[in-house]
């Protein structure tokens, strides 16, 4: 008798700040894929203090599908705060964050959805970063090299889309709100020995040359994140009895 397939259910978080020109394209890309490839899902749209029509556009989508919830911040609080809001209310076992600026091509999002349940985590990596500006490409590769050398996980990417296990992420103290949030969460969970698969995704053409992520403030946040990880500040008193003894890292090729 063929064993039944595990249900693919996912909490999807889409944060945005003043993305009125991109947020509809993002949601229009994610929603059909979620309906087709997932057994069940919920979407949290986080309006992070937008002063344009981003929040109103989100409200329109929420009115058309009961699985969509909108949360409006009166002022900017950062990606981490929005993700934590959704994490505390997530009703499914897995959660992911998809940027609201239409950064990723739909084919990659589809691959990520298909991989849900293949391991404790799904870690995507951007396979067309070489198409970006030389300066941006060097910065991205340098960050990955530094993190790989410091923590020894040798991932292909630390700051792409990731599917996290909710029960473990809720036990981790992530002390970062912006660019470093996802890096801090990912490394903290890897330090617990959780399994993962890696799948490729591609950036949309208009995002390849963007350098918004790497400003002076961002570098300072990253330095603080790395220092806190080295000091193991993010690790709480988790119940390690629940972590499989033979848990290993299983990157997919």
C-alpha atoms as a PDB file:
ATOM      1  CA  UNK A   1       0.000   0.000   0.000  1.00  0.00           C
ATOM      2  CA  UNK A   2       1.415   3.387  -0.972  1.00  0.00           C
ATOM      3  CA  UNK A   3       1.929   5.653   2.054  1.00  0.00           C
ATOM      4  CA  UNK A   4      -0.135   8.833   2.031  1.00  0.00           C
ATOM      5  CA  UNK A   5       1.622  12.061   1.118  1.00  0.00           C
ATOM      6  CA  UNK A   6       2.181  14.536   3.924  1.00  0.00           C
ATOM      7  CA  UNK A   7       0.001  17.613   3.617  1.00  0.00           C
ATOM      8  CA  UNK A   8       1.738  20.701   2.264  1.00  0.00           C
ATOM      9  CA  UNK A   9       0.527  23.647   4.320  1.00  0.00           C
ATOM     10  CA  UNK A  10       2.283  26.982   4.642  1.00  0.00           C
ATOM     11  CA  UNK A  11       2.012  30.389   6.266  1.00  0.00           C
ATOM     12  CA  UNK A  12       3.220  33.016   3.777  1.00  0.00           C
ATOM     13  CA  UNK A  13       4.345  36.455   4.930  1.00  0.00           C
ATOM     14  CA  UNK A  14       4.576  39.285   2.381  1.00  0.00           C
ATOM     15  CA  UNK A  15       5.889  42.562   3.854  1.00  0.00           C
ATOM     16  CA  UNK A  16       6.009  45.798   1.892  1.00  0.00           C
ATOM     17  CA  UNK A  17       6.866  49.453   2.411  1.00  0.00           C
ATOM     18  CA  UNK A  18       5.694  51.902  -0.266  1.00  0.00           C
ATOM     19  CA  UNK A  19       5.488  49.227  -2.977  1.00  0.00           C
ATOM     20  CA  UNK A  20       2.268  50.310  -4.687  1.00  0.00           C
ATOM     21  CA  UNK A  21       3.773  49.559  -8.099  1.00  0.00           C
ATOM     22  CA  UNK A  22       4.961  46.055  -7.147  1.00  0.00           C
ATOM     23  CA  UNK A  23       2.755  44.598  -4.428  1.00  0.00           C
ATOM     24  CA  UNK A  24      -0.112  43.570  -6.729  1.00  0.00           C
ATOM     25  CA  UNK A  25       2.307  41.766  -9.076  1.00  0.00           C
ATOM     26  CA  UNK A  26       3.819  39.981  -6.080  1.00  0.00           C
ATOM     27  CA  UNK A  27       0.489  38.769  -4.718  1.00  0.00           C
ATOM     28  CA  UNK A  28      -0.855  37.928  -8.179  1.00  0.00           C
ATOM     29  CA  UNK A  29       2.186  35.692  -8.625  1.00  0.00           C
ATOM     30  CA  UNK A  30       2.085  34.000  -5.219  1.00  0.00           C
ATOM     31  CA  UNK A  31      -1.651  33.394  -4.847  1.00  0.00           C
ATOM     32  CA  UNK A  32      -2.242  31.133  -7.898  1.00  0.00           C
ATOM     33  CA  UNK A  33       0.864  29.088  -7.057  1.00  0.00           C
ATOM     34  CA  UNK A  34      -0.279  28.621  -3.469  1.00  0.00           C
ATOM     35  CA  UNK A  35      -3.713  27.492  -4.632  1.00  0.00           C
ATOM     36  CA  UNK A  36      -2.205  25.029  -7.111  1.00  0.00           C
ATOM     37  CA  UNK A  37       0.751  23.587  -5.187  1.00  0.00           C
ATOM     38  CA  UNK A  38      -0.228  23.743  -1.508  1.00  0.00           C
ATOM     39  CA  UNK A  39      -2.951  21.782   0.255  1.00  0.00           C
ATOM     40  CA  UNK A  40      -3.662  24.719   2.533  1.00  0.00           C
ATOM     41  CA  UNK A  41      -2.158  28.116   3.202  1.00  0.00           C
ATOM     42  CA  UNK A  42      -2.629  31.517   4.772  1.00  0.00           C
ATOM     43  CA  UNK A  43      -1.089  34.816   3.723  1.00  0.00           C
ATOM     44  CA  UNK A  44      -0.158  37.698   6.016  1.00  0.00           C
ATOM     45  CA  UNK A  45       0.264  40.966   4.133  1.00  0.00           C
ATOM     46  CA  UNK A  46       2.326  43.371   6.246  1.00  0.00           C
ATOM     47  CA  UNK A  47       1.980  47.061   5.397  1.00  0.00           C
ATOM     48  CA  UNK A  48       5.036  48.457   7.170  1.00  0.00           C
ATOM     49  CA  UNK A  49       3.945  52.074   7.519  1.00  0.00           C
ATOM     50  CA  UNK A  50       3.471  52.801   3.811  1.00  0.00           C
ATOM     51  CA  UNK A  51       2.469  56.325   2.820  1.00  0.00           C
ATOM     52  CA  UNK A  52       1.330  55.356  -0.685  1.00  0.00           C
ATOM     53  CA  UNK A  53      -1.455  53.018  -1.859  1.00  0.00           C
ATOM     54  CA  UNK A  54       0.278  49.796  -0.745  1.00  0.00           C
ATOM     55  CA  UNK A  55      -2.058  49.251   2.208  1.00  0.00           C
ATOM     56  CA  UNK A  56      -5.193  49.899   0.165  1.00  0.00           C
ATOM     57  CA  UNK A  57      -4.097  47.403  -2.491  1.00  0.00           C
ATOM     58  CA  UNK A  58      -3.477  44.810   0.221  1.00  0.00           C
ATOM     59  CA  UNK A  59      -6.975  45.405   1.609  1.00  0.00           C
ATOM     60  CA  UNK A  60      -8.475  44.699  -1.818  1.00  0.00           C
ATOM     61  CA  UNK A  61      -6.759  41.308  -1.991  1.00  0.00           C
ATOM     62  CA  UNK A  62      -7.837  40.445   1.557  1.00  0.00           C
ATOM     63  CA  UNK A  63     -11.448  41.222   0.676  1.00  0.00           C
ATOM     64  CA  UNK A  64     -11.324  38.653  -2.133  1.00  0.00           C
ATOM     65  CA  UNK A  65      -9.845  35.703  -0.188  1.00  0.00           C
ATOM     66  CA  UNK A  66     -10.518  34.785   3.446  1.00  0.00           C
ATOM     67  CA  UNK A  67      -7.051  33.210   3.723  1.00  0.00           C
ATOM     68  CA  UNK A  68      -5.431  36.631   3.397  1.00  0.00           C
ATOM     69  CA  UNK A  69      -4.920  38.843   6.462  1.00  0.00           C
ATOM     70  CA  UNK A  70      -3.602  42.406   6.343  1.00  0.00           C
ATOM     71  CA  UNK A  71      -1.688  44.037   9.185  1.00  0.00           C
ATOM     72  CA  UNK A  72      -1.010  47.772   8.989  1.00  0.00           C
ATOM     73  CA  UNK A  73       1.818  49.360  10.967  1.00  0.00           C
ATOM     74  CA  UNK A  74       1.291  53.043  11.737  1.00  0.00           C
ATOM     75  CA  UNK A  75       5.015  53.579  11.205  1.00  0.00           C
ATOM     76  CA  UNK A  76       7.914  51.572   9.861  1.00  0.00           C
ATOM     77  CA  UNK A  77       8.956  48.742  12.193  1.00  0.00           C
ATOM     78  CA  UNK A  78      11.125  46.600   9.928  1.00  0.00           C
ATOM     79  CA  UNK A  79      10.880  43.233   8.221  1.00  0.00           C
ATOM     80  CA  UNK A  80      11.660  41.311  11.395  1.00  0.00           C
ATOM     81  CA  UNK A  81       8.813  42.865  13.356  1.00  0.00           C
ATOM     82  CA  UNK A  82       6.323  42.075  10.613  1.00  0.00           C
ATOM     83  CA  UNK A  83       7.549  38.505  10.346  1.00  0.00           C
ATOM     84  CA  UNK A  84       7.346  38.050  14.128  1.00  0.00           C
ATOM     85  CA  UNK A  85       3.747  39.314  14.044  1.00  0.00           C
ATOM     86  CA  UNK A  86       2.819  36.624  11.524  1.00  0.00           C
ATOM     87  CA  UNK A  87       4.902  33.953  13.270  1.00  0.00           C
ATOM     88  CA  UNK A  88       3.038  34.465  16.547  1.00  0.00           C
ATOM     89  CA  UNK A  89      -0.273  33.921  14.729  1.00  0.00           C
ATOM     90  CA  UNK A  90       0.708  31.233  12.208  1.00  0.00           C
ATOM     91  CA  UNK A  91      -1.605  28.224  12.210  1.00  0.00           C
ATOM     92  CA  UNK A  92       0.534  25.963  10.024  1.00  0.00           C
ATOM     93  CA  UNK A  93       3.783  24.099  10.740  1.00  0.00           C
ATOM     94  CA  UNK A  94       5.869  25.972   8.161  1.00  0.00           C
ATOM     95  CA  UNK A  95       6.322  29.666   7.424  1.00  0.00           C
ATOM     96  CA  UNK A  96       8.121  31.665   4.749  1.00  0.00           C
ATOM     97  CA  UNK A  97       8.720  35.298   3.814  1.00  0.00           C
ATOM     98  CA  UNK A  98       8.359  36.533   0.240  1.00  0.00           C
ATOM     99  CA  UNK A  99       9.412  40.164  -0.423  1.00  0.00           C
ATOM    100  CA  UNK A 100       6.631  42.478  -1.534  1.00  0.00           C
ATOM    101  CA  UNK A 101       8.750  44.140  -4.230  1.00  0.00           C
ATOM    102  CA  UNK A 102       8.252  41.332  -6.781  1.00  0.00           C
ATOM    103  CA  UNK A 103      11.905  40.372  -6.377  1.00  0.00           C
ATOM    104  CA  UNK A 104      11.631  36.692  -7.328  1.00  0.00           C
ATOM    105  CA  UNK A 105      10.439  34.974 -10.480  1.00  0.00           C
ATOM    106  CA  UNK A 106       7.352  32.796 -10.090  1.00  0.00           C
ATOM    107  CA  UNK A 107       9.169  29.643 -11.236  1.00  0.00           C
ATOM    108  CA  UNK A 108      11.438  29.799  -8.194  1.00  0.00           C
ATOM    109  CA  UNK A 109       8.551  30.373  -5.817  1.00  0.00           C
ATOM    110  CA  UNK A 110       6.866  27.317  -7.338  1.00  0.00           C
ATOM    111  CA  UNK A 111       9.982  25.203  -6.717  1.00  0.00           C
ATOM    112  CA  UNK A 112      10.045  26.364  -3.113  1.00  0.00           C
ATOM    113  CA  UNK A 113       6.376  25.467  -2.598  1.00  0.00           C
ATOM    114  CA  UNK A 114       6.926  22.028  -4.132  1.00  0.00           C
ATOM    115  CA  UNK A 115       9.810  21.372  -1.712  1.00  0.00           C
ATOM    116  CA  UNK A 116       7.756  22.116   1.417  1.00  0.00           C
ATOM    117  CA  UNK A 117       7.979  19.093   3.720  1.00  0.00           C
ATOM    118  CA  UNK A 118      11.086  17.616   2.070  1.00  0.00           C
ATOM    119  CA  UNK A 119      13.152  18.529   5.167  1.00  0.00           C
ATOM    120  CA  UNK A 120      12.889  20.684   8.277  1.00  0.00           C
ATOM    121  CA  UNK A 121      13.755  23.743   6.173  1.00  0.00           C
ATOM    122  CA  UNK A 122      13.746  24.743   2.530  1.00  0.00           C
ATOM    123  CA  UNK A 123      16.602  27.146   1.743  1.00  0.00           C
ATOM    124  CA  UNK A 124      16.494  28.809  -1.650  1.00  0.00           C
ATOM    125  CA  UNK A 125      19.496  30.319  -3.381  1.00  0.00           C
ATOM    126  CA  UNK A 126      19.571  32.992  -6.078  1.00  0.00           C
ATOM    127  CA  UNK A 127      21.063  31.417  -9.195  1.00  0.00           C
ATOM    128  CA  UNK A 128      21.415  34.581 -11.298  1.00  0.00           C
ATOM    129  CA  UNK A 129      23.292  36.918  -8.957  1.00  0.00           C
ATOM    130  CA  UNK A 130      26.113  37.101 -11.502  1.00  0.00           C
ATOM    131  CA  UNK A 131      23.732  39.156 -13.658  1.00  0.00           C
ATOM    132  CA  UNK A 132      23.772  41.954 -11.086  1.00  0.00           C
ATOM    133  CA  UNK A 133      26.238  44.849 -10.927  1.00  0.00           C
ATOM    134  CA  UNK A 134      29.857  43.865 -10.240  1.00  0.00           C
ATOM    135  CA  UNK A 135      29.854  45.735  -6.933  1.00  0.00           C
ATOM    136  CA  UNK A 136      26.598  44.135  -5.748  1.00  0.00           C
ATOM    137  CA  UNK A 137      27.741  40.678  -6.834  1.00  0.00           C
ATOM    138  CA  UNK A 138      31.049  41.037  -4.971  1.00  0.00           C
ATOM    139  CA  UNK A 139      29.238  42.155  -1.826  1.00  0.00           C
ATOM    140  CA  UNK A 140      26.837  39.205  -1.920  1.00  0.00           C
ATOM    141  CA  UNK A 141      29.547  36.621  -2.552  1.00  0.00           C
ATOM    142  CA  UNK A 142      31.747  38.147   0.152  1.00  0.00           C
ATOM    143  CA  UNK A 143      28.967  37.983   2.732  1.00  0.00           C
ATOM    144  CA  UNK A 144      28.259  34.350   1.892  1.00  0.00           C
ATOM    145  CA  UNK A 145      31.974  33.468   2.104  1.00  0.00           C
ATOM    146  CA  UNK A 146      32.360  35.169   5.494  1.00  0.00           C
ATOM    147  CA  UNK A 147      29.288  33.439   6.936  1.00  0.00           C
ATOM    148  CA  UNK A 148      30.353  30.056   5.557  1.00  0.00           C
ATOM    149  CA  UNK A 149      33.837  30.423   7.052  1.00  0.00           C
ATOM    150  CA  UNK A 150      32.507  31.562  10.421  1.00  0.00           C
ATOM    151  CA  UNK A 151      29.737  29.016  10.857  1.00  0.00           C
ATOM    152  CA  UNK A 152      30.751  26.141   8.570  1.00  0.00           C
ATOM    153  CA  UNK A 153      27.422  25.387   6.909  1.00  0.00           C
ATOM    154  CA  UNK A 154      28.634  26.175   3.363  1.00  0.00           C
ATOM    155  CA  UNK A 155      25.289  27.267   2.012  1.00  0.00           C
ATOM    156  CA  UNK A 156      24.784  28.657  -1.467  1.00  0.00           C
ATOM    157  CA  UNK A 157      22.846  31.647  -0.080  1.00  0.00           C
ATOM    158  CA  UNK A 158      21.940  33.068   3.326  1.00  0.00           C
ATOM    159  CA  UNK A 159      19.500  35.770   2.311  1.00  0.00           C
ATOM    160  CA  UNK A 160      17.028  34.336  -0.153  1.00  0.00           C
ATOM    161  CA  UNK A 161      13.560  32.901   0.590  1.00  0.00           C
ATOM    162  CA  UNK A 162      13.438  30.264   3.332  1.00  0.00           C
ATOM    163  CA  UNK A 163      10.724  27.937   4.614  1.00  0.00           C
ATOM    164  CA  UNK A 164      11.130  27.646   8.389  1.00  0.00           C
ATOM    165  CA  UNK A 165       9.605  25.173  10.856  1.00  0.00           C
ATOM    166  CA  UNK A 166       7.279  27.243  13.053  1.00  0.00           C
ATOM    167  CA  UNK A 167       7.741  25.212  16.251  1.00  0.00           C
ATOM    168  CA  UNK A 168      11.511  25.700  16.206  1.00  0.00           C
ATOM    169  CA  UNK A 169      11.507  29.308  15.065  1.00  0.00           C
ATOM    170  CA  UNK A 170       9.231  30.249  17.962  1.00  0.00           C
ATOM    171  CA  UNK A 171      11.910  28.998  20.354  1.00  0.00           C
ATOM    172  CA  UNK A 172      14.672  31.138  18.879  1.00  0.00           C
ATOM    173  CA  UNK A 173      15.381  34.675  20.100  1.00  0.00           C
ATOM    174  CA  UNK A 174      16.146  36.559  16.887  1.00  0.00           C
ATOM    175  CA  UNK A 175      17.731  39.885  17.821  1.00  0.00           C
ATOM    176  CA  UNK A 176      17.519  41.640  14.475  1.00  0.00           C
ATOM    177  CA  UNK A 177      14.743  43.579  12.772  1.00  0.00           C
ATOM    178  CA  UNK A 178      16.011  44.400   9.299  1.00  0.00           C
ATOM    179  CA  UNK A 179      18.332  42.779   6.777  1.00  0.00           C
ATOM    180  CA  UNK A 180      19.957  40.580   9.414  1.00  0.00           C
ATOM    181  CA  UNK A 181      16.738  38.989  10.695  1.00  0.00           C
ATOM    182  CA  UNK A 182      16.646  36.121   8.244  1.00  0.00           C
ATOM    183  CA  UNK A 183      20.381  35.424   8.543  1.00  0.00           C
ATOM    184  CA  UNK A 184      20.098  35.325  12.328  1.00  0.00           C
ATOM    185  CA  UNK A 185      17.075  33.010  12.254  1.00  0.00           C
ATOM    186  CA  UNK A 186      18.582  30.663   9.667  1.00  0.00           C
ATOM    187  CA  UNK A 187      21.950  30.211  11.364  1.00  0.00           C
ATOM    188  CA  UNK A 188      20.318  29.785  14.770  1.00  0.00           C
ATOM    189  CA  UNK A 189      18.178  26.938  13.444  1.00  0.00           C
ATOM    190  CA  UNK A 190      21.088  25.331  11.612  1.00  0.00           C
ATOM    191  CA  UNK A 191      23.017  25.361  14.889  1.00  0.00           C
ATOM    192  CA  UNK A 192      20.283  23.112  16.294  1.00  0.00           C
ATOM    193  CA  UNK A 193      21.066  20.506  13.619  1.00  0.00           C
ATOM    194  CA  UNK A 194      17.836  20.764  11.634  1.00  0.00           C
ATOM    195  CA  UNK A 195      17.766  19.280   8.141  1.00  0.00           C
ATOM    196  CA  UNK A 196      17.373  21.280   4.964  1.00  0.00           C
ATOM    197  CA  UNK A 197      17.179  21.150   1.194  1.00  0.00           C
ATOM    198  CA  UNK A 198      18.389  23.852  -1.172  1.00  0.00           C
ATOM    199  CA  UNK A 199      16.479  24.859  -4.311  1.00  0.00           C
ATOM    200  CA  UNK A 200      17.345  27.496  -6.942  1.00  0.00           C
ATOM    201  CA  UNK A 201      15.354  30.664  -7.528  1.00  0.00           C
ATOM    202  CA  UNK A 202      15.915  33.609  -9.870  1.00  0.00           C
ATOM    203  CA  UNK A 203      15.632  37.345  -9.340  1.00  0.00           C
ATOM    204  CA  UNK A 204      13.433  39.372 -11.636  1.00  0.00           C
ATOM    205  CA  UNK A 205      15.354  41.495 -14.119  1.00  0.00           C
ATOM    206  CA  UNK A 206      14.406  44.832 -12.581  1.00  0.00           C
ATOM    207  CA  UNK A 207      15.808  43.749  -9.196  1.00  0.00           C
ATOM    208  CA  UNK A 208      19.167  42.477 -10.402  1.00  0.00           C
ATOM    209  CA  UNK A 209      20.843  45.849 -10.229  1.00  0.00           C
ATOM    210  CA  UNK A 210      19.257  47.011  -6.992  1.00  0.00           C
ATOM    211  CA  UNK A 211      21.603  47.901  -4.160  1.00  0.00           C
ATOM    212  CA  UNK A 212      19.036  49.113  -1.655  1.00  0.00           C
ATOM    213  CA  UNK A 213      19.831  46.318   0.770  1.00  0.00           C
ATOM    214  CA  UNK A 214      23.464  47.237   1.337  1.00  0.00           C
ATOM    215  CA  UNK A 215      23.710  50.635   3.004  1.00  0.00           C
ATOM    216  CA  UNK A 216      25.899  51.700   5.932  1.00  0.00           C
ATOM    217  CA  UNK A 217      23.076  50.978   8.350  1.00  0.00           C
ATOM    218  CA  UNK A 218      22.721  47.521   6.834  1.00  0.00           C
ATOM    219  CA  UNK A 219      26.405  46.740   7.324  1.00  0.00           C
ATOM    220  CA  UNK A 220      26.179  47.798  10.966  1.00  0.00           C
ATOM    221  CA  UNK A 221      23.122  45.575  11.444  1.00  0.00           C
ATOM    222  CA  UNK A 222      24.961  42.636   9.889  1.00  0.00           C
ATOM    223  CA  UNK A 223      27.987  43.134  12.122  1.00  0.00           C
ATOM    224  CA  UNK A 224      25.710  43.159  15.165  1.00  0.00           C
ATOM    225  CA  UNK A 225      23.936  40.038  13.925  1.00  0.00           C
ATOM    226  CA  UNK A 226      27.181  38.132  13.384  1.00  0.00           C
ATOM    227  CA  UNK A 227      28.533  39.155  16.799  1.00  0.00           C
ATOM    228  CA  UNK A 228      25.336  38.020  18.521  1.00  0.00           C
ATOM    229  CA  UNK A 229      25.462  34.692  16.693  1.00  0.00           C
ATOM    230  CA  UNK A 230      29.088  34.117  17.629  1.00  0.00           C
ATOM    231  CA  UNK A 231      28.135  34.763  21.247  1.00  0.00           C
ATOM    232  CA  UNK A 232      25.120  32.451  20.793  1.00  0.00           C
ATOM    233  CA  UNK A 233      22.760  35.121  22.073  1.00  0.00           C
ATOM    234  CA  UNK A 234      19.901  33.992  19.775  1.00  0.00           C
ATOM    235  CA  UNK A 235      19.749  30.454  21.202  1.00  0.00           C
ATOM    236  CA  UNK A 236      17.129  30.075  23.905  1.00  0.00           C
ATOM    237  CA  UNK A 237      16.667  27.116  26.221  1.00  0.00           C
ATOM    238  CA  UNK A 238      15.085  24.927  23.555  1.00  0.00           C
ATOM    239  CA  UNK A 239      13.925  21.376  24.176  1.00  0.00           C
ATOM    240  CA  UNK A 240      16.748  19.513  22.470  1.00  0.00           C
ATOM    241  CA  UNK A 241      15.058  16.183  23.217  1.00  0.00           C
ATOM    242  CA  UNK A 242      12.806  16.985  20.261  1.00  0.00           C
ATOM    243  CA  UNK A 243      15.729  17.395  17.865  1.00  0.00           C
ATOM    244  CA  UNK A 244      16.484  14.135  15.989  1.00  0.00           C
ATOM    245  CA  UNK A 245      19.793  12.645  17.119  1.00  0.00           C
ATOM    246  CA  UNK A 246      20.770  11.883  13.534  1.00  0.00           C
ATOM    247  CA  UNK A 247      19.669  15.266  12.195  1.00  0.00           C
ATOM    248  CA  UNK A 248      22.021  16.322   9.465  1.00  0.00           C
ATOM    249  CA  UNK A 249      22.332  18.837   6.702  1.00  0.00           C
ATOM    250  CA  UNK A 250      20.985  17.481   3.450  1.00  0.00           C
ATOM    251  CA  UNK A 251      21.442  20.016   0.650  1.00  0.00           C
ATOM    252  CA  UNK A 252      19.699  19.079  -2.569  1.00  0.00           C
ATOM    253  CA  UNK A 253      21.556  19.365  -5.840  1.00  0.00           C
END
